[in-house]
C-alpha atoms as a PDB file:
ATOM      1  CA  MET A   1     108.422 260.199 121.992  1.00  0.00           C
ATOM      2  CA  GLN A   2     108.919 257.738 124.550  1.00  0.00           C
ATOM      3  CA  ASN A   3     107.546 253.817 123.817  1.00  0.00           C
ATOM      4  CA  THR A   4     104.480 253.397 125.880  1.00  0.00           C
ATOM      5  CA  LEU A   5     105.280 249.450 126.455  1.00  0.00           C
ATOM      6  CA  HIS A   6     108.445 250.865 128.276  1.00  0.00           C
ATOM      7  CA  GLU A   7     106.888 252.726 130.207  1.00  0.00           C
ATOM      8  CA  LEU A   8     106.967 252.572 134.165  1.00  0.00           C
ATOM      9  CA  ILE A   9     104.127 252.844 136.128  1.00  0.00           C
ATOM     10  CA  THR A  10     103.392 252.686 139.970  1.00  0.00           C
ATOM     11  CA  PRO A  11     101.421 250.352 141.817  1.00  0.00           C
ATOM     12  CA  ARG A  12      99.024 253.498 142.378  1.00  0.00           C
ATOM     13  CA  THR A  13      98.598 253.285 138.959  1.00  0.00           C
ATOM     14  CA  LEU A  14      98.185 249.790 138.070  1.00  0.00           C
ATOM     15  CA  ALA A  15      95.991 249.533 141.239  1.00  0.00           C
ATOM     16  CA  ALA A  16      93.398 252.314 139.570  1.00  0.00           C
ATOM     17  CA  ARG A  17      93.642 251.394 135.760  1.00  0.00           C
ATOM     18  CA  TRP A  18      92.189 248.139 136.753  1.00  0.00           C
ATOM     19  CA  GLY A  19      89.756 249.705 139.971  1.00  0.00           C
ATOM     20  CA  LEU A  20      91.421 247.099 142.325  1.00  0.00           C
ATOM     21  CA  SER A  21      93.392 248.213 145.697  1.00  0.00           C
ATOM     22  CA  GLN A  22      97.149 248.188 146.553  1.00  0.00           C
ATOM     23  CA  LYS A  23      96.975 245.802 149.297  1.00  0.00           C
ATOM     24  CA  THR A  24      95.600 243.317 146.520  1.00  0.00           C
ATOM     25  CA  LEU A  25      99.082 244.191 144.219  1.00  0.00           C
ATOM     26  CA  GLU A  26     100.858 243.828 147.098  1.00  0.00           C
ATOM     27  CA  ARG A  27      99.505 240.439 148.150  1.00  0.00           C
ATOM     28  CA  TRP A  28      99.850 239.158 144.391  1.00  0.00           C
ATOM     29  CA  ARG A  29     103.317 239.878 144.547  1.00  0.00           C
ATOM     30  CA  MET A  30     104.148 237.973 148.092  1.00  0.00           C
ATOM     31  CA  ASN A  31     101.992 235.128 146.235  1.00  0.00           C
ATOM     32  CA  GLY A  32     103.595 234.877 143.141  1.00  0.00           C
ATOM     33  CA  ASN A  33     100.509 236.158 140.965  1.00  0.00           C
ATOM     34  CA  GLY A  34     100.060 239.243 138.520  1.00  0.00           C
ATOM     35  CA  PRO A  35     102.683 240.933 136.347  1.00  0.00           C
ATOM     36  CA  ALA A  36     105.866 240.777 136.502  1.00  0.00           C
ATOM     37  CA  PHE A  37     107.321 243.833 138.582  1.00  0.00           C
ATOM     38  CA  LEU A  38     110.317 245.492 139.046  1.00  0.00           C
ATOM     39  CA  LYS A  39     112.366 246.140 142.597  1.00  0.00           C
ATOM     40  CA  LEU A  40     114.459 248.799 142.926  1.00  0.00           C
ATOM     41  CA  GLY A  41     115.507 249.152 146.524  1.00  0.00           C
ATOM     42  CA  SER A  42     111.954 250.155 148.571  1.00  0.00           C
ATOM     43  CA  ARG A  43     110.570 250.715 145.287  1.00  0.00           C
ATOM     44  CA  VAL A  44     108.094 248.823 143.453  1.00  0.00           C
ATOM     45  CA  LEU A  45     107.015 249.316 139.684  1.00  0.00           C
ATOM     46  CA  TYR A  46     105.924 247.764 136.252  1.00  0.00           C
ATOM     47  CA  ARG A  47     106.455 247.880 132.564  1.00  0.00           C
ATOM     48  CA  MET A  48     103.449 248.624 130.686  1.00  0.00           C
ATOM     49  CA  ALA A  49     104.771 245.829 128.446  1.00  0.00           C
ATOM     50  CA  ASP A  50     103.544 243.826 131.475  1.00  0.00           C
ATOM     51  CA  VAL A  51     100.609 244.866 131.817  1.00  0.00           C
ATOM     52  CA  SER A  52      99.796 244.596 128.761  1.00  0.00           C
ATOM     53  CA  ALA A  53     100.986 240.653 128.577  1.00  0.00           C
ATOM     54  CA  HIS A  54      99.053 239.777 131.675  1.00  0.00           C
ATOM     55  CA  GLU A  55      96.072 241.394 130.817  1.00  0.00           C
ATOM     56  CA  ALA A  56      95.928 239.969 127.081  1.00  0.00           C
ATOM     57  CA  GLN A  57      96.825 235.866 128.810  1.00  0.00           C
ATOM     58  CA  ARG A  58      93.409 237.408 130.844  1.00  0.00           C
ATOM     59  CA  THR A  59      91.136 238.335 127.743  1.00  0.00           C
ATOM     60  CA  ARG A  60      88.290 235.760 127.569  1.00  0.00           C
ATOM     61  CA  ARG A  61      85.697 235.170 125.039  1.00  0.00           C
ATOM     62  CA  CYS A  62      83.039 233.435 127.439  1.00  0.00           C
ATOM     63  CA  THR A  63      83.745 232.899 131.039  1.00  0.00           C
ATOM     64  CA  ALA A  64      83.897 228.742 130.551  1.00  0.00           C
ATOM     65  CA  GLY A  65      86.576 229.329 127.313  1.00  0.00           C
ATOM     66  CA  GLN A  66      90.145 229.601 127.329  1.00  0.00           C
ATOM     67  CA  SER A  67      91.394 232.569 127.076  1.00  0.00           C
ATOM     68  CA  ILE A  68      92.230 233.989 123.998  1.00  0.00           C
ATOM     69  CA  SER A  69      96.101 233.696 123.552  1.00  0.00           C
ATOM     70  CA  GLU A  70      95.498 230.606 124.118  1.00  0.00           C
ATOM     71  CA  GLY A  71      93.889 229.711 121.228  1.00  0.00           C
ATOM     72  CA  ILE A  72      90.462 228.544 120.478  1.00  0.00           C
ATOM     73  CA  TRP A  73      91.021 225.917 117.599  1.00  0.00           C
ATOM     74  CA  ARG A  74      92.258 222.620 117.935  1.00  0.00           C
END
């Protein structure tokens, strides 16, 4: 049984997961946005651990609030 956090996915798979175009992911990579990625020759891959971490960093409780990972308690 493979550990899903070590799983590698393609930009096509990530685009489908997030409902984005592959072009948006390409633009994010060029601008340094989005999750970390691997570049193997001409191939781009994403680690599921990096995708999950990116999603967790952007989880919000309300539109004006901090991300859950930043914490809401002071």
